[in-house]
Amino acid sequence: MKTFITAAILSATIMAAPVMAMGIDTSNLTRTLTFPTPISEPVTQDQVKPGK
C-alpha cells in the first residue's frame, strides 16, 4: 500500500510540475531598484587644505 501511495504522489507531482511552472507570475518577485541622481557640489580651493 505504501508503494502505491508513493507512486501515485510521485506521478501526480511529475505530471503537475509543468502546469505549476507555467502558472507562476514572476514579474513581482523582485522590486525595481531606482537610484536618485547625484547632485554635484561645487569644488573650491578653500575646501581642501593640505597640511604642510
PDB file of N, CA and C in Angstrom:
ATOM      1  N   MET A   1       0.822  -1.196   0.000  1.00  0.00           N
ATOM      2  CA  MET A   1       0.000   0.000   0.000  1.00  0.00           C
ATOM      3  C   MET A   1       0.867   1.260   0.000  1.00  0.00           C
ATOM      4  N   LYS A   2       1.977   1.239   0.770  1.00  0.00           N
ATOM      5  CA  LYS A   2       2.863   2.392   0.792  1.00  0.00           C
ATOM      6  C   LYS A   2       3.464   2.641  -0.591  1.00  0.00           C
ATOM      7  N   THR A   3       3.781   1.570  -1.298  1.00  0.00           N
ATOM      8  CA  THR A   3       4.369   1.703  -2.625  1.00  0.00           C
ATOM      9  C   THR A   3       3.371   2.347  -3.584  1.00  0.00           C
ATOM     10  N   PHE A   4       2.112   1.959  -3.497  1.00  0.00           N
ATOM     11  CA  PHE A   4       1.090   2.524  -4.373  1.00  0.00           C
ATOM     12  C   PHE A   4       0.880   4.017  -4.094  1.00  0.00           C
ATOM     13  N   ILE A   5       0.820   4.398  -2.836  1.00  0.00           N
ATOM     14  CA  ILE A   5       0.626   5.805  -2.476  1.00  0.00           C
ATOM     15  C   ILE A   5       1.834   6.633  -2.915  1.00  0.00           C
ATOM     16  N   THR A   6       3.027   6.103  -2.686  1.00  0.00           N
ATOM     17  CA  THR A   6       4.245   6.803  -3.093  1.00  0.00           C
ATOM     18  C   THR A   6       4.283   6.990  -4.604  1.00  0.00           C
ATOM     19  N   ALA A   7       3.946   5.937  -5.350  1.00  0.00           N
ATOM     20  CA  ALA A   7       3.934   6.024  -6.813  1.00  0.00           C
ATOM     21  C   ALA A   7       2.881   7.015  -7.294  1.00  0.00           C
ATOM     22  N   ALA A   8       1.729   7.040  -6.665  1.00  0.00           N
ATOM     23  CA  ALA A   8       0.667   7.966  -7.073  1.00  0.00           C
ATOM     24  C   ALA A   8       1.075   9.413  -6.806  1.00  0.00           C
ATOM     25  N   ILE A   9       1.679   9.666  -5.663  1.00  0.00           N
ATOM     26  CA  ILE A   9       2.107  11.023  -5.333  1.00  0.00           C
ATOM     27  C   ILE A   9       3.213  11.483  -6.284  1.00  0.00           C
ATOM     28  N   LEU A  10       4.173  10.616  -6.548  1.00  0.00           N
ATOM     29  CA  LEU A  10       5.265  10.982  -7.462  1.00  0.00           C
ATOM     30  C   LEU A  10       4.767  11.229  -8.884  1.00  0.00           C
ATOM     31  N   SER A  11       3.870  10.390  -9.357  1.00  0.00           N
ATOM     32  CA  SER A  11       3.368  10.585 -10.716  1.00  0.00           C
ATOM     33  C   SER A  11       2.505  11.843 -10.814  1.00  0.00           C
ATOM     34  N   ALA A  12       1.728  12.140  -9.783  1.00  0.00           N
ATOM     35  CA  ALA A  12       0.926  13.364  -9.798  1.00  0.00           C
ATOM     36  C   ALA A  12       1.821  14.590  -9.746  1.00  0.00           C
ATOM     37  N   THR A  13       2.898  14.524  -8.983  1.00  0.00           N
ATOM     38  CA  THR A  13       3.829  15.648  -8.892  1.00  0.00           C
ATOM     39  C   THR A  13       4.530  15.874 -10.224  1.00  0.00           C
ATOM     40  N   ILE A  14       4.974  14.806 -10.857  1.00  0.00           N
ATOM     41  CA  ILE A  14       5.675  14.922 -12.135  1.00  0.00           C
ATOM     42  C   ILE A  14       4.740  15.454 -13.221  1.00  0.00           C
ATOM     43  N   MET A  15       3.485  15.032 -13.205  1.00  0.00           N
ATOM     44  CA  MET A  15       2.540  15.480 -14.222  1.00  0.00           C
ATOM     45  C   MET A  15       2.096  16.930 -13.978  1.00  0.00           C
ATOM     46  N   ALA A  16       2.051  17.367 -12.728  1.00  0.00           N
ATOM     47  CA  ALA A  16       1.569  18.707 -12.420  1.00  0.00           C
ATOM     48  C   ALA A  16       2.678  19.754 -12.446  1.00  0.00           C
ATOM     49  N   ALA A  17       3.941  19.349 -12.445  1.00  0.00           N
ATOM     50  CA  ALA A  17       5.060  20.299 -12.382  1.00  0.00           C
ATOM     51  C   ALA A  17       5.074  21.283 -13.554  1.00  0.00           C
ATOM     52  N   PRO A  18       4.908  20.871 -14.803  1.00  0.00           N
ATOM     53  CA  PRO A  18       4.919  21.865 -15.893  1.00  0.00           C
ATOM     54  C   PRO A  18       3.766  22.863 -15.795  1.00  0.00           C
ATOM     55  N   VAL A  19       2.616  22.410 -15.346  1.00  0.00           N
ATOM     56  CA  VAL A  19       1.465  23.304 -15.222  1.00  0.00           C
ATOM     57  C   VAL A  19       1.719  24.337 -14.132  1.00  0.00           C
ATOM     58  N   MET A  20       2.282  23.911 -13.033  1.00  0.00           N
ATOM     59  CA  MET A  20       2.575  24.847 -11.949  1.00  0.00           C
ATOM     60  C   MET A  20       3.686  25.811 -12.349  1.00  0.00           C
ATOM     61  N   ALA A  21       4.659  25.345 -13.122  1.00  0.00           N
ATOM     62  CA  ALA A  21       5.765  26.200 -13.527  1.00  0.00           C
ATOM     63  C   ALA A  21       5.297  27.290 -14.493  1.00  0.00           C
ATOM     64  N   MET A  22       4.334  26.993 -15.325  1.00  0.00           N
ATOM     65  CA  MET A  22       3.838  27.986 -16.273  1.00  0.00           C
ATOM     66  C   MET A  22       2.883  28.981 -15.625  1.00  0.00           C
ATOM     67  N   GLY A  23       2.278  28.616 -14.521  1.00  0.00           N
ATOM     68  CA  GLY A  23       1.259  29.463 -13.916  1.00  0.00           C
ATOM     69  C   GLY A  23       1.793  30.488 -12.941  1.00  0.00           C
ATOM     70  N   ILE A  24       3.077  30.477 -12.644  1.00  0.00           N
ATOM     71  CA  ILE A  24       3.634  31.401 -11.658  1.00  0.00           C
ATOM     72  C   ILE A  24       4.002  32.706 -12.338  1.00  0.00           C
ATOM     73  N   ASP A  25       3.491  33.800 -11.817  1.00  0.00           N
ATOM     74  CA  ASP A  25       3.824  35.126 -12.339  1.00  0.00           C
ATOM     75  C   ASP A  25       5.062  35.624 -11.605  1.00  0.00           C
ATOM     76  N   THR A  26       6.150  35.804 -12.325  1.00  0.00           N
ATOM     77  CA  THR A  26       7.409  36.200 -11.691  1.00  0.00           C
ATOM     78  C   THR A  26       7.710  37.681 -11.843  1.00  0.00           C
ATOM     79  N   SER A  27       6.758  38.467 -12.317  1.00  0.00           N
ATOM     80  CA  SER A  27       7.036  39.876 -12.543  1.00  0.00           C
ATOM     81  C   SER A  27       7.112  40.669 -11.243  1.00  0.00           C
ATOM     82  N   ASN A  28       6.519  40.173 -10.174  1.00  0.00           N
ATOM     83  CA  ASN A  28       6.534  40.940  -8.928  1.00  0.00           C
ATOM     84  C   ASN A  28       7.366  40.285  -7.829  1.00  0.00           C
ATOM     85  N   LEU A  29       8.251  39.382  -8.184  1.00  0.00           N
ATOM     86  CA  LEU A  29       9.070  38.729  -7.161  1.00  0.00           C
ATOM     87  C   LEU A  29      10.186  39.632  -6.657  1.00  0.00           C
ATOM     88  N   THR A  30      10.753  40.428  -7.533  1.00  0.00           N
ATOM     89  CA  THR A  30      11.820  41.334  -7.129  1.00  0.00           C
ATOM     90  C   THR A  30      11.392  42.765  -7.405  1.00  0.00           C
ATOM     91  N   ARG A  31      11.816  43.669  -6.562  1.00  0.00           N
ATOM     92  CA  ARG A  31      11.469  45.066  -6.717  1.00  0.00           C
ATOM     93  C   ARG A  31      12.382  45.731  -7.740  1.00  0.00           C
ATOM     94  N   THR A  32      11.869  46.744  -8.402  1.00  0.00           N
ATOM     95  CA  THR A  32      12.672  47.525  -9.320  1.00  0.00           C
ATOM     96  C   THR A  32      13.414  48.585  -8.527  1.00  0.00           C
ATOM     97  N   LEU A  33      14.730  48.560  -8.623  1.00  0.00           N
ATOM     98  CA  LEU A  33      15.538  49.500  -7.866  1.00  0.00           C
ATOM     99  C   LEU A  33      15.716  50.783  -8.655  1.00  0.00           C
ATOM    100  N   THR A  34      15.464  51.893  -8.006  1.00  0.00           N
ATOM    101  CA  THR A  34      15.693  53.194  -8.621  1.00  0.00           C
ATOM    102  C   THR A  34      16.597  53.993  -7.704  1.00  0.00           C
ATOM    103  N   PHE A  35      17.554  54.666  -8.300  1.00  0.00           N
ATOM    104  CA  PHE A  35      18.512  55.441  -7.532  1.00  0.00           C
ATOM    105  C   PHE A  35      18.350  56.920  -7.880  1.00  0.00           C
ATOM    106  N   PRO A  36      18.465  57.795  -6.907  1.00  0.00           N
ATOM    107  CA  PRO A  36      18.356  59.220  -7.215  1.00  0.00           C
ATOM    108  C   PRO A  36      19.593  59.696  -7.971  1.00  0.00           C
ATOM    109  N   THR A  37      19.406  60.728  -8.751  1.00  0.00           N
ATOM    110  CA  THR A  37      20.548  61.270  -9.481  1.00  0.00           C
ATOM    111  C   THR A  37      21.445  62.032  -8.509  1.00  0.00           C
ATOM    112  N   PRO A  38      22.734  61.840  -8.592  1.00  0.00           N
ATOM    113  CA  PRO A  38      23.637  62.525  -7.662  1.00  0.00           C
ATOM    114  C   PRO A  38      23.693  64.029  -7.945  1.00  0.00           C
ATOM    115  N   ILE A  39      23.773  64.795  -6.887  1.00  0.00           N
ATOM    116  CA  ILE A  39      23.860  66.254  -7.007  1.00  0.00           C
ATOM    117  C   ILE A  39      25.329  66.638  -6.920  1.00  0.00           C
ATOM    118  N   SER A  40      25.796  67.324  -7.934  1.00  0.00           N
ATOM    119  CA  SER A  40      27.197  67.726  -7.917  1.00  0.00           C
ATOM    120  C   SER A  40      27.360  68.967  -7.048  1.00  0.00           C
ATOM    121  N   GLU A  41      28.375  68.942  -6.200  1.00  0.00           N
ATOM    122  CA  GLU A  41      28.663  70.073  -5.321  1.00  0.00           C
ATOM    123  C   GLU A  41      29.821  70.873  -5.906  1.00  0.00           C
ATOM    124  N   PRO A  42      29.737  72.172  -5.832  1.00  0.00           N
ATOM    125  CA  PRO A  42      30.846  72.973  -6.361  1.00  0.00           C
ATOM    126  C   PRO A  42      32.111  72.780  -5.522  1.00  0.00           C
ATOM    127  N   VAL A  43      33.230  72.665  -6.188  1.00  0.00           N
ATOM    128  CA  VAL A  43      34.508  72.451  -5.510  1.00  0.00           C
ATOM    129  C   VAL A  43      35.312  73.750  -5.590  1.00  0.00           C
ATOM    130  N   THR A  44      35.771  74.206  -4.452  1.00  0.00           N
ATOM    131  CA  THR A  44      36.605  75.408  -4.423  1.00  0.00           C
ATOM    132  C   THR A  44      37.947  75.064  -3.798  1.00  0.00           C
ATOM    133  N   GLN A  45      38.897  75.948  -3.916  1.00  0.00           N
ATOM    134  CA  GLN A  45      40.215  75.703  -3.359  1.00  0.00           C
ATOM    135  C   GLN A  45      40.200  75.815  -1.841  1.00  0.00           C
ATOM    136  N   ASP A  46      39.247  76.501  -1.270  1.00  0.00           N
ATOM    137  CA  ASP A  46      39.212  76.694   0.185  1.00  0.00           C
ATOM    138  C   ASP A  46      38.806  75.429   0.918  1.00  0.00           C
ATOM    139  N   GLN A  47      38.122  74.486   0.246  1.00  0.00           N
ATOM    140  CA  GLN A  47      37.661  73.289   0.917  1.00  0.00           C
ATOM    141  C   GLN A  47      38.792  72.308   1.191  1.00  0.00           C
ATOM    142  N   VAL A  48      39.826  72.270   0.372  1.00  0.00           N
ATOM    143  CA  VAL A  48      40.923  71.330   0.540  1.00  0.00           C
ATOM    144  C   VAL A  48      42.174  72.117   0.948  1.00  0.00           C
ATOM    145  N   LYS A  49      42.665  71.840   2.153  1.00  0.00           N
ATOM    146  CA  LYS A  49      43.875  72.497   2.627  1.00  0.00           C
ATOM    147  C   LYS A  49      44.876  71.429   3.071  1.00  0.00           C
ATOM    148  N   PRO A  50      45.812  71.092   2.219  1.00  0.00           N
ATOM    149  CA  PRO A  50      46.792  70.062   2.612  1.00  0.00           C
ATOM    150  C   PRO A  50      47.702  70.573   3.731  1.00  0.00           C
ATOM    151  N   GLY A  51      47.997  69.713   4.670  1.00  0.00           N
ATOM    152  CA  GLY A  51      48.873  70.093   5.783  1.00  0.00           C
ATOM    153  C   GLY A  51      50.332  70.159   5.352  1.00  0.00           C
ATOM    154  N   LYS A  52      51.021  71.226   5.772  1.00  0.00           N
ATOM    155  CA  LYS A  52      52.431  71.367   5.408  1.00  0.00           C
ATOM    156  C   LYS A  52      53.311  71.322   6.639  1.00  0.00           C
TER     157      LYS A  52
END
